[in-house]
């Protein structure tokens, strides 16, 4: 029976991207990358999958199949590691706020923070690898030498070095379904069982980009990755206009992070007919709460996390049940860590039994458990990662996947005969096995989105606190007057009224209330959405641009320097 190997790269911001790089390095050493025929990637996985695919495209189009060796794949991954680390040190998340012109463009309905992120992806990641600006999705088709009309479905069986299909996953807010970008087309895939999908509208995808409206035929790789990594609440959705109409009215597709629908990307590999699977999971796994909060915000966030964890477990369980555990190499950040089972309290008010320690998978002897716990909690952000953080995540992916592939007997594929490279991230190995206090401190601080530099520089923290105190002392007369002011009930009512009017005008301008009261459709409020976007999305970033630039100029270099491997104590 013919086999087909699929590779899934999960979401999880740059934490996932660096972890996946370590897994890719191990797959290259194991001789498995040449056998991969489908790559499904989500969010942080999509960022690295796109960069890897551009370099792979060059390799497969420049070298004849018979001349491609496993050493070519290890060298390719080595190149990707260097380019990606250099790009992420720029702090792409903060760079999205650092341009006055781009910030002012946020007033437009078809431009958001995700569009700005796409421009940064293209500038810092994909432009060099592609050899051009704004490479389009349809330009990703790989045509090996001598095969001008090559198609992976029909011709891969002729090759030793397979040409994989790349699937980048996003989620559409319009229908809640998976949205896939490939080199052939984009849109919602057909359901495997139509009776289970009862939503009233489906956004059918065109057979090819050539059949779409002209402006969407040129959809770029960077925008596809930006849509896949548009983390809700952190980034605005990425919009697609003019692609659909409903009852002669335009439909604007709004795309967010693919992890909202499926953070592992397994379903696309199943749809591609894969028989064997290599799954790299660096997504945020649900943690234990000794006494969960009951505030609405916490309960809502916790509920969303529980649903995500449920989807993750169901996807994996179904895959193993249908394909067999021996055909699924699954690696994740908490692999091999202990699970403590608590016994119930008995009638004597004492635990009925001692706590039981269970190891669901063998431990990795080269990673200290406390290090692995810290790595599993590192932020899932798109900001700058230090060498210490990046190398630790890469080495974790490398070591954990090596153990998993050994247990799965390399998924039945022959091992590589190439010499192993001296990967740069191996230099962090001695700290991961025997961590120092400074190393653990850096990993602990790494879970935070903000304030990391202050915590890593005690003198900077003390100086900042002193400046704040001096500022409070200097401004105390003014602050005292403000604090002594009494806010009348009328002012409170006016504030609440403005909020209510804003929500009402927003709904009226979007036609949400017209079906209930038809006369409301004639109110002249077409200008209000633009005004609202200017006030909420354009003005604050424009005002804060100078602060962001100062941060990138002074604070970001301090953070990166503190996390250099040469400075690790």
Protein backbone atom coordinates (compact mmCIF):
# COMPACT_ATOMS: atom_id res chain seq x y z
CA UNK A 1 0.00 0.00 0.00
CA UNK A 2 1.46 3.43 -0.93
CA UNK A 3 2.26 5.75 1.95
CA UNK A 4 1.88 9.51 2.15
CA UNK A 5 3.59 11.53 4.88
CA UNK A 6 1.99 14.71 6.17
CA UNK A 7 3.53 17.35 8.44
CA UNK A 8 1.39 19.49 10.78
CA UNK A 9 2.82 22.60 12.45
CA UNK A 10 0.60 24.01 15.20
CA UNK A 11 -0.15 27.56 16.22
CA UNK A 12 1.39 29.30 19.20
CA UNK A 13 3.09 32.49 17.99
CA UNK A 14 6.86 32.63 17.70
CA UNK A 15 7.14 30.12 20.53
CA UNK A 16 5.64 27.58 18.14
CA UNK A 17 7.79 28.79 15.24
CA UNK A 18 11.04 28.19 17.11
CA UNK A 19 9.87 24.83 18.46
CA UNK A 20 8.93 23.76 14.91
CA UNK A 21 12.40 24.72 13.68
CA UNK A 22 13.88 22.20 16.09
CA UNK A 23 11.44 19.56 14.86
CA UNK A 24 12.30 20.36 11.23
CA UNK A 25 15.99 19.98 12.06
CA UNK A 26 15.33 16.54 13.53
CA UNK A 27 13.16 15.50 10.58
CA UNK A 28 15.98 16.57 8.26
CA UNK A 29 18.51 14.50 10.22
CA UNK A 30 16.13 11.53 10.16
CA UNK A 31 15.78 11.77 6.39
CA UNK A 32 12.03 12.39 6.59
CA UNK A 33 11.69 15.85 5.05
CA UNK A 34 12.25 14.50 1.54
CA UNK A 35 9.22 12.21 2.03
CA UNK A 36 6.76 14.90 3.18
CA UNK A 37 3.94 15.33 0.62
CA UNK A 38 1.65 17.70 2.52
CA UNK A 39 2.30 20.49 5.03
CA UNK A 40 -0.58 21.92 7.06
CA UNK A 41 0.29 24.92 9.21
CA UNK A 42 -1.53 27.24 11.60
CA UNK A 43 -0.57 30.69 12.95
CA UNK A 44 3.00 30.46 14.28
CA UNK A 45 3.40 27.24 12.31
CA UNK A 46 2.28 29.01 9.14
CA UNK A 47 4.95 31.70 9.62
CA UNK A 48 7.76 29.15 9.58
CA UNK A 49 6.13 26.79 7.06
CA UNK A 50 5.94 29.59 4.48
CA UNK A 51 9.63 30.47 4.92
CA UNK A 52 10.65 26.81 4.73
CA UNK A 53 8.50 26.29 1.64
CA UNK A 54 10.10 29.19 -0.24
CA UNK A 55 13.56 27.74 0.31
CA UNK A 56 12.31 24.26 -0.56
CA UNK A 57 10.79 25.58 -3.79
CA UNK A 58 14.19 26.95 -4.83
CA UNK A 59 15.91 23.65 -4.00
CA UNK A 60 13.42 21.46 -5.88
CA UNK A 61 13.35 23.74 -8.92
CA UNK A 62 17.12 24.20 -9.21
CA UNK A 63 18.38 20.67 -8.55
CA UNK A 64 17.43 17.49 -10.42
CA UNK A 65 15.71 14.92 -8.24
CA UNK A 66 18.57 12.42 -8.47
CA UNK A 67 21.06 14.99 -7.11
CA UNK A 68 19.05 16.07 -4.05
CA UNK A 69 20.41 14.58 -0.83
CA UNK A 70 19.44 14.63 2.83
CA UNK A 71 22.33 17.05 3.37
CA UNK A 72 20.47 19.56 1.18
CA UNK A 73 17.54 19.47 3.60
CA UNK A 74 19.69 19.95 6.69
CA UNK A 75 21.45 22.90 5.02
CA UNK A 76 18.04 24.32 4.06
CA UNK A 77 16.76 24.17 7.64
CA UNK A 78 20.02 25.72 8.84
CA UNK A 79 19.41 28.67 6.51
CA UNK A 80 15.81 29.06 7.67
CA UNK A 81 16.92 29.11 11.32
CA UNK A 82 19.39 31.93 10.71
CA UNK A 83 16.98 34.06 8.69
CA UNK A 84 14.09 33.58 11.09
CA UNK A 85 16.05 34.44 14.24
CA UNK A 86 17.43 37.59 12.60
CA UNK A 87 13.93 38.69 11.52
CA UNK A 88 12.21 38.06 14.86
CA UNK A 89 14.82 40.09 16.74
CA UNK A 90 13.32 43.17 15.05
CA UNK A 91 10.19 42.73 17.25
CA UNK A 92 7.54 42.49 14.52
CA UNK A 93 4.66 42.99 16.95
CA UNK A 94 5.94 46.41 18.01
CA UNK A 95 6.91 47.29 14.44
CA UNK A 96 3.25 47.09 13.45
CA UNK A 97 2.75 50.29 15.51
CA UNK A 98 5.95 52.08 14.44
CA UNK A 99 4.89 53.61 11.11
CA UNK A 100 2.84 56.84 10.99
CA UNK A 101 1.47 56.21 7.50
CA UNK A 102 0.40 52.64 8.24
CA UNK A 103 -1.24 53.71 11.51
CA UNK A 104 -3.28 56.37 9.73
CA UNK A 105 -4.40 53.80 7.12
CA UNK A 106 -6.16 51.93 9.95
CA UNK A 107 -9.15 54.21 9.36
CA UNK A 108 -9.96 52.23 6.21
CA UNK A 109 -12.33 49.23 6.47
CA UNK A 110 -10.07 47.08 4.26
CA UNK A 111 -6.82 47.78 6.15
CA UNK A 112 -5.95 46.59 9.65
CA UNK A 113 -3.04 45.73 11.90
CA UNK A 114 -2.89 42.33 10.17
CA UNK A 115 -2.27 44.01 6.80
CA UNK A 116 0.63 45.90 8.36
CA UNK A 117 1.94 42.62 9.79
CA UNK A 118 1.77 41.10 6.30
CA UNK A 119 4.01 43.89 5.02
CA UNK A 120 6.50 43.17 7.80
CA UNK A 121 6.43 39.42 7.08
CA UNK A 122 7.22 40.18 3.46
CA UNK A 123 9.96 42.66 4.31
CA UNK A 124 11.78 40.68 6.98
CA UNK A 125 11.02 37.03 6.13
CA UNK A 126 9.80 36.20 2.65
CA UNK A 127 11.28 38.81 0.30
CA UNK A 128 14.83 37.50 0.53
CA UNK A 129 13.83 33.85 0.24
CA UNK A 130 11.49 34.48 -2.71
CA UNK A 131 13.84 36.84 -4.53
CA UNK A 132 11.03 39.35 -5.08
CA UNK A 133 8.56 41.56 -3.24
CA UNK A 134 5.09 40.28 -2.41
CA UNK A 135 5.22 36.75 -3.79
CA UNK A 136 1.70 35.60 -4.61
CA UNK A 137 0.08 32.38 -3.41
CA UNK A 138 -0.37 31.15 -6.97
CA UNK A 139 3.38 31.57 -7.56
CA UNK A 140 4.13 28.88 -4.96
CA UNK A 141 3.51 26.05 -7.41
CA UNK A 142 6.73 24.04 -7.63
CA UNK A 143 7.86 22.94 -11.10
CA UNK A 144 10.91 20.64 -10.91
CA UNK A 145 13.40 20.56 -13.83
CA UNK A 146 11.90 18.78 -16.83
CA UNK A 147 8.32 18.94 -15.44
CA UNK A 148 6.72 22.23 -16.62
CA UNK A 149 3.25 20.83 -15.86
CA UNK A 150 4.15 19.02 -12.63
CA UNK A 151 1.30 18.17 -10.24
CA UNK A 152 2.06 16.62 -6.83
CA UNK A 153 -1.04 14.40 -6.92
CA UNK A 154 -0.05 12.74 -10.19
CA UNK A 155 3.73 12.91 -10.39
CA UNK A 156 5.12 12.65 -6.85
CA UNK A 157 5.33 8.87 -7.11
CA UNK A 158 8.07 9.38 -9.73
CA UNK A 159 10.27 11.36 -7.33
CA UNK A 160 12.58 10.53 -4.43
CA UNK A 161 12.39 14.11 -3.12
CA UNK A 162 8.64 14.73 -2.89
CA UNK A 163 6.99 18.04 -3.76
CA UNK A 164 4.66 18.84 -0.83
CA UNK A 165 1.35 20.67 -0.97
CA UNK A 166 1.30 23.66 1.42
CA UNK A 167 -1.94 24.46 3.28
CA UNK A 168 -2.10 27.59 5.44
CA UNK A 169 -5.11 27.59 7.76
CA UNK A 170 -7.18 30.55 8.96
CA UNK A 171 -10.69 30.91 10.41
CA UNK A 172 -13.48 32.96 8.84
CA UNK A 173 -15.59 34.98 11.26
CA UNK A 174 -18.44 35.06 8.73
CA UNK A 175 -19.25 31.36 9.03
CA UNK A 176 -16.90 30.06 11.72
CA UNK A 177 -15.36 27.55 9.32
CA UNK A 178 -11.80 26.69 8.37
CA UNK A 179 -10.37 28.83 5.55
CA UNK A 180 -7.45 27.36 3.61
CA UNK A 181 -4.82 29.03 1.44
CA UNK A 182 -3.00 26.87 -1.12
CA UNK A 183 -1.02 27.55 -4.29
CA UNK A 184 -4.12 26.62 -6.30
CA UNK A 185 -6.97 28.42 -4.53
CA UNK A 186 -8.32 29.75 -1.24
CA UNK A 187 -11.58 29.37 0.64
CA UNK A 188 -13.58 26.98 2.77
CA UNK A 189 -12.96 23.28 2.07
CA UNK A 190 -15.89 20.99 1.36
CA UNK A 191 -17.29 19.25 4.46
CA UNK A 192 -16.61 15.55 4.81
CA UNK A 193 -20.17 15.00 6.04
CA UNK A 194 -22.68 17.62 4.94
CA UNK A 195 -25.36 16.67 7.47
CA UNK A 196 -23.10 17.71 10.35
CA UNK A 197 -22.64 21.20 8.85
CA UNK A 198 -25.98 22.99 9.07
CA UNK A 199 -24.84 26.62 8.79
CA UNK A 200 -27.06 28.52 6.33
CA UNK A 201 -24.23 29.94 4.20
CA UNK A 202 -21.10 28.34 2.74
CA UNK A 203 -18.37 30.37 1.04
CA UNK A 204 -17.46 28.11 -1.88
CA UNK A 205 -13.91 28.36 -3.10
CA UNK A 206 -13.05 28.85 -6.74
CA UNK A 207 -11.28 26.02 -8.59
CA UNK A 208 -8.31 28.31 -9.25
CA UNK A 209 -7.13 31.85 -8.55
CA UNK A 210 -7.71 32.63 -12.24
CA UNK A 211 -11.46 32.25 -11.71
CA UNK A 212 -11.61 34.86 -8.92
CA UNK A 213 -12.24 38.59 -9.11
CA UNK A 214 -9.12 40.28 -10.44
CA UNK A 215 -7.89 41.94 -7.21
CA UNK A 216 -7.93 38.62 -5.30
CA UNK A 217 -6.05 36.69 -7.99
CA UNK A 218 -2.86 38.33 -6.73
CA UNK A 219 -3.36 37.40 -3.07
CA UNK A 220 0.07 37.24 -1.44
CA UNK A 221 1.77 34.67 0.74
CA UNK A 222 2.47 37.29 3.41
CA UNK A 223 -1.23 38.17 3.66
CA UNK A 224 -2.15 34.48 3.91
CA UNK A 225 0.29 34.06 6.81
CA UNK A 226 -0.98 37.26 8.44
CA UNK A 227 -4.54 35.94 8.27
CA UNK A 228 -3.47 32.60 9.75
CA UNK A 229 -1.67 34.37 12.63
CA UNK A 230 -4.22 37.14 13.33
CA UNK A 231 -4.58 36.36 17.03
CA UNK A 232 -8.00 37.57 18.28
CA UNK A 233 -7.82 40.62 20.58
CA UNK A 234 -4.12 41.08 19.76
CA UNK A 235 -4.56 41.75 16.03
CA UNK A 236 -7.50 42.87 13.92
CA UNK A 237 -8.98 40.37 11.45
CA UNK A 238 -7.66 40.45 7.90
CA UNK A 239 -10.42 41.34 5.44
CA UNK A 240 -11.10 40.08 1.90
CA UNK A 241 -13.40 42.27 -0.18
CA UNK A 242 -15.25 41.71 -3.48
CA UNK A 243 -14.96 37.91 -3.34
CA UNK A 244 -18.63 37.14 -2.55
CA UNK A 245 -22.09 38.68 -2.75
CA UNK A 246 -25.27 37.71 -0.91
CA UNK A 247 -28.56 38.93 -2.44
CA UNK A 248 -26.60 41.50 -4.49
CA UNK A 249 -25.00 42.91 -1.31
CA UNK A 250 -21.20 42.69 -0.88
CA UNK A 251 -19.79 40.22 1.64
CA UNK A 252 -16.55 41.18 3.37
CA UNK A 253 -14.74 38.07 4.57
CA UNK A 254 -12.99 38.59 7.91
CA UNK A 255 -10.23 36.12 8.73
CA UNK A 256 -8.60 35.42 12.10
CA UNK A 257 -6.09 32.98 13.54
CA UNK A 258 -6.48 29.44 12.20
CA UNK A 259 -6.08 28.12 15.73
CA UNK A 260 -9.60 29.27 16.56
CA UNK A 261 -10.90 26.43 14.37
CA UNK A 262 -8.12 23.81 14.58
CA UNK A 263 -4.81 24.72 16.20
CA UNK A 264 -3.04 21.56 15.00
CA UNK A 265 -4.01 21.58 11.32
CA UNK A 266 -4.68 17.84 11.25
CA UNK A 267 -7.90 17.99 9.20
CA UNK A 268 -6.11 19.33 6.12
CA UNK A 269 -3.68 16.39 6.18
CA UNK A 270 -6.55 13.93 6.43
CA UNK A 271 -8.25 15.65 3.48
CA UNK A 272 -4.99 15.28 1.52
CA UNK A 273 -5.12 11.51 2.04
CA UNK A 274 -2.06 11.20 4.28
CA UNK A 275 -1.35 7.80 5.83
CA UNK A 276 1.53 8.81 8.12
CA UNK A 277 1.75 11.96 10.24
CA UNK A 278 4.43 14.05 11.92
CA UNK A 279 2.69 16.53 14.23
CA UNK A 280 4.55 19.31 16.03
CA UNK A 281 2.44 20.92 18.76
CA UNK A 282 3.68 24.02 20.58
CA UNK A 283 0.23 25.40 21.34
CA UNK A 284 -0.72 26.58 24.79
CA UNK A 285 -2.06 23.63 26.77
CA UNK A 286 -4.58 24.02 29.54
CA UNK A 287 -3.03 24.49 32.97
CA UNK A 288 -4.32 23.54 36.42
CA UNK A 289 -6.15 26.15 38.50
CA UNK A 290 -6.18 25.43 42.23
CA UNK A 291 -8.94 27.97 42.86
CA UNK A 292 -10.32 29.35 39.59
CA UNK A 293 -11.57 32.91 39.59
CA UNK A 294 -15.27 33.46 38.98
CA UNK A 295 -15.16 36.88 37.33
CA UNK A 296 -16.92 37.01 33.94
CA UNK A 297 -13.69 37.85 32.09
CA UNK A 298 -11.77 34.93 33.60
CA UNK A 299 -14.62 32.45 33.13
CA UNK A 300 -14.98 33.49 29.49
CA UNK A 301 -11.25 33.12 28.82
CA UNK A 302 -11.08 29.82 30.69
CA UNK A 303 -14.09 28.47 28.80
CA UNK A 304 -12.46 29.33 25.47
CA UNK A 305 -9.26 27.57 26.58
CA UNK A 306 -11.22 24.48 27.62
CA UNK A 307 -12.93 24.35 24.22
CA UNK A 308 -9.56 24.64 22.49
CA UNK A 309 -8.13 21.82 24.60
CA UNK A 310 -11.17 19.67 23.86
CA UNK A 311 -10.77 20.19 20.10
CA UNK A 312 -7.07 19.35 20.35
CA UNK A 313 -7.67 16.12 22.24
CA UNK A 314 -10.52 15.02 19.97
CA UNK A 315 -8.48 15.64 16.82
CA UNK A 316 -5.55 13.60 18.14
CA UNK A 317 -7.70 10.78 19.52
CA UNK A 318 -9.61 10.43 16.26
CA UNK A 319 -6.39 10.43 14.25
CA UNK A 320 -4.75 7.73 16.37
CA UNK A 321 -7.91 5.60 16.36
CA UNK A 322 -8.23 5.71 12.57
CA UNK A 323 -4.56 5.71 11.50
CA UNK A 324 -2.84 3.83 14.34
CA UNK A 325 -0.37 5.15 16.92
CA UNK A 326 2.57 3.65 15.04
CA UNK A 327 1.81 5.93 12.09
CA UNK A 328 1.55 9.14 14.13
CA UNK A 329 4.66 10.89 15.45
CA UNK A 330 3.31 13.48 17.88
CA UNK A 331 5.60 15.83 19.79
CA UNK A 332 4.58 18.61 22.17
CA UNK A 333 6.19 20.87 24.77
CA UNK A 334 4.99 18.93 27.81
CA UNK A 335 5.94 15.54 26.43
CA UNK A 336 7.29 13.22 29.11
CA UNK A 337 6.45 15.49 32.05
CA UNK A 338 4.83 13.94 35.09
CA UNK A 339 1.10 14.09 35.79
CA UNK A 340 0.15 14.12 39.49
CA UNK A 341 -3.16 12.45 40.32
CA UNK A 342 -4.80 13.69 43.54
CA UNK A 343 -6.85 11.31 45.66
CA UNK A 344 -10.17 12.35 47.19
CA UNK A 345 -10.57 13.34 50.86
CA UNK A 346 -12.00 10.45 52.88
CA UNK A 347 -14.32 10.34 55.91
CA UNK A 348 -11.39 10.92 58.26
CA UNK A 349 -10.70 14.24 56.51
CA UNK A 350 -7.47 12.84 55.05
CA UNK A 351 -6.55 11.88 51.46
CA UNK A 352 -7.77 8.36 50.79
CA UNK A 353 -4.50 7.47 49.04
CA UNK A 354 -1.12 8.98 48.35
CA UNK A 355 -0.76 11.16 45.26
CA UNK A 356 0.18 9.12 42.21
CA UNK A 357 2.80 10.29 39.74
CA UNK A 358 2.19 9.13 36.18
CA UNK A 359 4.43 9.58 33.15
CA UNK A 360 2.27 9.43 29.98
CA UNK A 361 5.44 9.28 27.86
CA UNK A 362 9.13 8.62 28.56
CA UNK A 363 11.05 11.58 29.96
CA UNK A 364 13.75 13.29 27.92
CA UNK A 365 16.99 12.86 29.90
CA UNK A 366 18.61 15.91 28.27
CA UNK A 367 15.96 18.41 29.43
CA UNK A 368 15.44 19.14 33.12
CA UNK A 369 11.72 18.94 34.04
CA UNK A 370 11.68 22.49 35.44
CA UNK A 371 13.16 23.78 32.17
CA UNK A 372 10.51 21.99 30.14
CA UNK A 373 7.77 23.43 32.36
CA UNK A 374 9.11 26.95 31.81
CA UNK A 375 9.33 26.42 28.04
CA UNK A 376 5.71 25.24 27.95
CA UNK A 377 4.70 28.55 29.56
CA UNK A 378 6.74 30.91 27.37
CA UNK A 379 4.55 33.58 25.77
CA UNK A 380 2.78 32.89 22.48
CA UNK A 381 3.53 36.32 21.07
CA UNK A 382 5.01 37.89 17.93
CA UNK A 383 7.57 40.07 19.71
CA UNK A 384 11.35 39.68 19.92
CA UNK A 385 12.74 36.41 21.28
CA UNK A 386 16.25 36.26 22.72
CA UNK A 387 18.88 33.71 21.74
CA UNK A 388 18.34 31.94 25.06
CA UNK A 389 14.61 31.61 24.45
CA UNK A 390 14.90 30.73 20.76
CA UNK A 391 17.70 28.17 21.16
CA UNK A 392 15.94 26.54 24.11
CA UNK A 393 12.70 26.11 22.16
CA UNK A 394 14.53 24.79 19.10
CA UNK A 395 16.56 22.30 21.11
CA UNK A 396 13.42 21.15 22.93
CA UNK A 397 11.72 20.45 19.59
CA UNK A 398 14.86 18.72 18.34
CA UNK A 399 15.33 16.43 21.35
CA UNK A 400 11.67 15.60 21.96
CA UNK A 401 11.05 14.73 18.31
CA UNK A 402 14.18 12.56 18.23
CA UNK A 403 12.79 10.48 21.07
CA UNK A 404 9.35 10.29 19.45
CA UNK A 405 10.70 9.26 16.04
CA UNK A 406 12.80 6.55 17.68
CA UNK A 407 9.69 5.20 19.42
CA UNK A 408 7.75 5.28 16.11
CA UNK A 409 10.67 3.64 14.24
CA UNK A 410 11.04 6.65 11.95
CA UNK A 411 7.44 6.10 10.80
CA UNK A 412 8.66 3.19 8.68
CA UNK A 413 10.90 5.32 6.45
CA UNK A 414 14.63 4.55 5.97
CA UNK A 415 16.96 6.65 8.15
CA UNK A 416 19.22 9.30 6.68
CA UNK A 417 22.82 8.52 5.77
CA UNK A 418 23.93 12.16 5.88
CA UNK A 419 26.35 13.49 8.48
CA UNK A 420 24.69 15.40 11.31
CA UNK A 421 25.18 19.15 11.44
CA UNK A 422 26.45 21.11 14.40
CA UNK A 423 23.20 23.02 14.87
CA UNK A 424 23.63 26.44 16.54
CA UNK A 425 20.96 25.73 19.16
CA UNK A 426 22.94 22.77 20.54
CA UNK A 427 25.05 25.32 22.42
CA UNK A 428 22.24 25.79 24.97
CA UNK A 429 22.21 22.08 25.79
CA UNK A 430 24.24 22.14 29.01
CA UNK A 431 21.94 24.76 30.57
CA UNK A 432 18.82 22.82 29.60
CA UNK A 433 20.16 19.68 31.25
CA UNK A 434 21.65 21.42 34.31
CA UNK A 435 20.00 24.84 34.53
CA UNK A 436 21.58 27.77 36.34
CA UNK A 437 19.60 30.31 38.35
CA UNK A 438 20.12 32.96 35.66
CA UNK A 439 18.90 30.61 32.92
CA UNK A 440 15.74 29.69 34.82
CA UNK A 441 15.13 33.36 35.59
CA UNK A 442 15.22 34.25 31.89
CA UNK A 443 12.81 31.45 31.01
CA UNK A 444 10.49 32.46 33.86
CA UNK A 445 10.41 36.08 32.68
CA UNK A 446 9.85 34.81 29.14
CA UNK A 447 6.23 33.97 29.87
CA UNK A 448 5.37 37.67 30.16
CA UNK A 449 4.23 39.82 27.26
CA UNK A 450 5.26 43.11 28.86
CA UNK A 451 7.89 44.25 31.36
CA UNK A 452 10.48 41.57 30.60
CA UNK A 453 13.38 44.01 30.20
CA UNK A 454 12.66 45.71 33.52
CA UNK A 455 12.65 42.40 35.36
CA UNK A 456 15.91 41.28 33.75
CA UNK A 457 17.69 44.56 34.63
CA UNK A 458 17.21 45.30 38.38
CA UNK A 459 18.96 48.67 38.03
CA UNK A 460 16.60 49.66 35.20
CA UNK A 461 13.62 48.59 37.28
CA UNK A 462 14.85 50.61 40.27
CA UNK A 463 15.54 53.64 38.10
CA UNK A 464 12.10 53.46 36.46
CA UNK A 465 10.39 53.14 39.84
CA UNK A 466 12.36 56.15 41.11
CA UNK A 467 11.35 58.26 38.10
CA UNK A 468 7.70 57.30 38.59
CA UNK A 469 7.83 58.28 42.26
CA UNK A 470 9.52 61.59 41.46
CA UNK A 471 6.90 62.26 38.80
CA UNK A 472 4.11 61.56 41.26
CA UNK A 473 5.67 63.91 43.80
CA UNK A 474 6.07 66.68 41.21
CA UNK A 475 2.53 66.29 39.90
CA UNK A 476 0.90 65.69 43.27
CA UNK A 477 -0.77 69.13 43.52
CA UNK A 478 -2.48 68.56 40.17
CA UNK A 479 -3.35 64.95 40.99
CA UNK A 480 -4.76 65.97 44.36
CA UNK A 481 -7.14 68.41 42.67
CA UNK A 482 -8.30 65.73 40.24
CA UNK A 483 -8.83 63.21 43.01
CA UNK A 484 -10.85 65.72 45.01
CA UNK A 485 -13.24 66.35 42.15
CA UNK A 486 -16.68 64.90 42.60
CA UNK A 487 -18.22 63.20 39.59
CA UNK A 488 -21.92 63.96 39.40
CA UNK A 489 -24.55 61.40 38.51
CA UNK A 490 -25.28 63.51 35.46
CA UNK A 491 -21.72 63.11 34.19
CA UNK A 492 -21.87 59.35 34.75
CA UNK A 493 -25.19 59.17 32.94
CA UNK A 494 -23.80 61.25 30.07
CA UNK A 495 -20.84 58.92 29.72
CA UNK A 496 -23.03 55.83 29.67
CA UNK A 497 -25.31 57.57 27.21
CA UNK A 498 -22.43 58.24 24.83
CA UNK A 499 -21.43 54.58 24.95
CA UNK A 500 -25.02 53.53 24.25
CA UNK A 501 -25.34 56.01 21.38
CA UNK A 502 -22.06 54.76 19.91
CA UNK A 503 -23.28 51.16 19.94
CA UNK A 504 -26.66 52.16 18.50
CA UNK A 505 -25.11 54.24 15.70
CA UNK A 506 -22.66 51.43 14.95
CA UNK A 507 -25.49 48.91 14.55
CA UNK A 508 -27.62 51.32 12.50
CA UNK A 509 -24.74 52.10 10.15
CA UNK A 510 -24.20 48.38 9.56
CA UNK A 511 -27.90 47.79 8.95
CA UNK A 512 -28.29 45.45 11.92
CA UNK A 513 -31.61 46.96 13.08
CA UNK A 514 -33.16 47.64 9.66
CA UNK A 515 -34.90 44.23 9.44
CA UNK A 516 -36.74 45.03 12.69
CA UNK A 517 -37.55 48.69 11.91
CA UNK A 518 -37.24 49.23 8.11
CA UNK A 519 -37.39 53.02 8.34
CA UNK A 520 -34.03 53.00 10.18
CA UNK A 521 -32.33 51.96 6.94
CA UNK A 522 -32.83 55.50 5.62
CA UNK A 523 -30.90 57.26 8.39
CA UNK A 524 -27.82 59.03 6.91
CA UNK A 525 -25.16 57.28 9.02
CA UNK A 526 -22.85 56.02 6.29
CA UNK A 527 -20.07 58.26 7.63
CA UNK A 528 -20.12 56.83 11.15
CA UNK A 529 -18.06 53.62 10.63
CA UNK A 530 -15.23 55.70 9.15
CA UNK A 531 -15.38 58.18 12.03
CA UNK A 532 -15.38 55.32 14.54
CA UNK A 533 -12.37 53.64 12.94
CA UNK A 534 -10.44 56.92 12.97
CA UNK A 535 -11.14 57.45 16.69
CA UNK A 536 -10.57 53.87 17.85
CA UNK A 537 -8.10 52.35 15.37
CA UNK A 538 -6.09 55.17 13.80
CA UNK A 539 -5.65 58.02 16.29
CA UNK A 540 -4.30 56.04 19.32
CA UNK A 541 -1.55 54.25 17.32
CA UNK A 542 -0.55 57.48 15.57
CA UNK A 543 -0.19 59.20 18.95
CA UNK A 544 1.78 56.27 20.36
CA UNK A 545 4.15 55.90 17.41
CA UNK A 546 6.94 57.94 19.03
CA UNK A 547 6.79 55.82 22.18
CA UNK A 548 6.98 52.62 20.11
CA UNK A 549 9.96 53.92 18.17
CA UNK A 550 11.73 54.83 21.40
CA UNK A 551 11.08 51.34 22.74
CA UNK A 552 12.50 49.72 19.60
CA UNK A 553 15.51 52.03 19.67
CA UNK A 554 16.49 51.67 23.34
CA UNK A 555 14.61 48.91 25.21
CA UNK A 556 14.47 46.12 22.61
CA UNK A 557 18.29 46.01 22.18
CA UNK A 558 18.71 45.78 25.96
CA UNK A 559 16.35 42.81 26.11
CA UNK A 560 18.12 41.01 23.25
CA UNK A 561 21.57 41.68 24.72
CA UNK A 562 20.55 40.30 28.12
CA UNK A 563 19.42 37.11 26.41
CA UNK A 564 22.56 36.53 24.35
CA UNK A 565 24.07 33.12 24.91
CA UNK A 566 27.44 34.76 25.57
CA UNK A 567 25.94 36.69 28.50
CA UNK A 568 24.24 33.69 30.12
CA UNK A 569 25.51 33.04 33.63
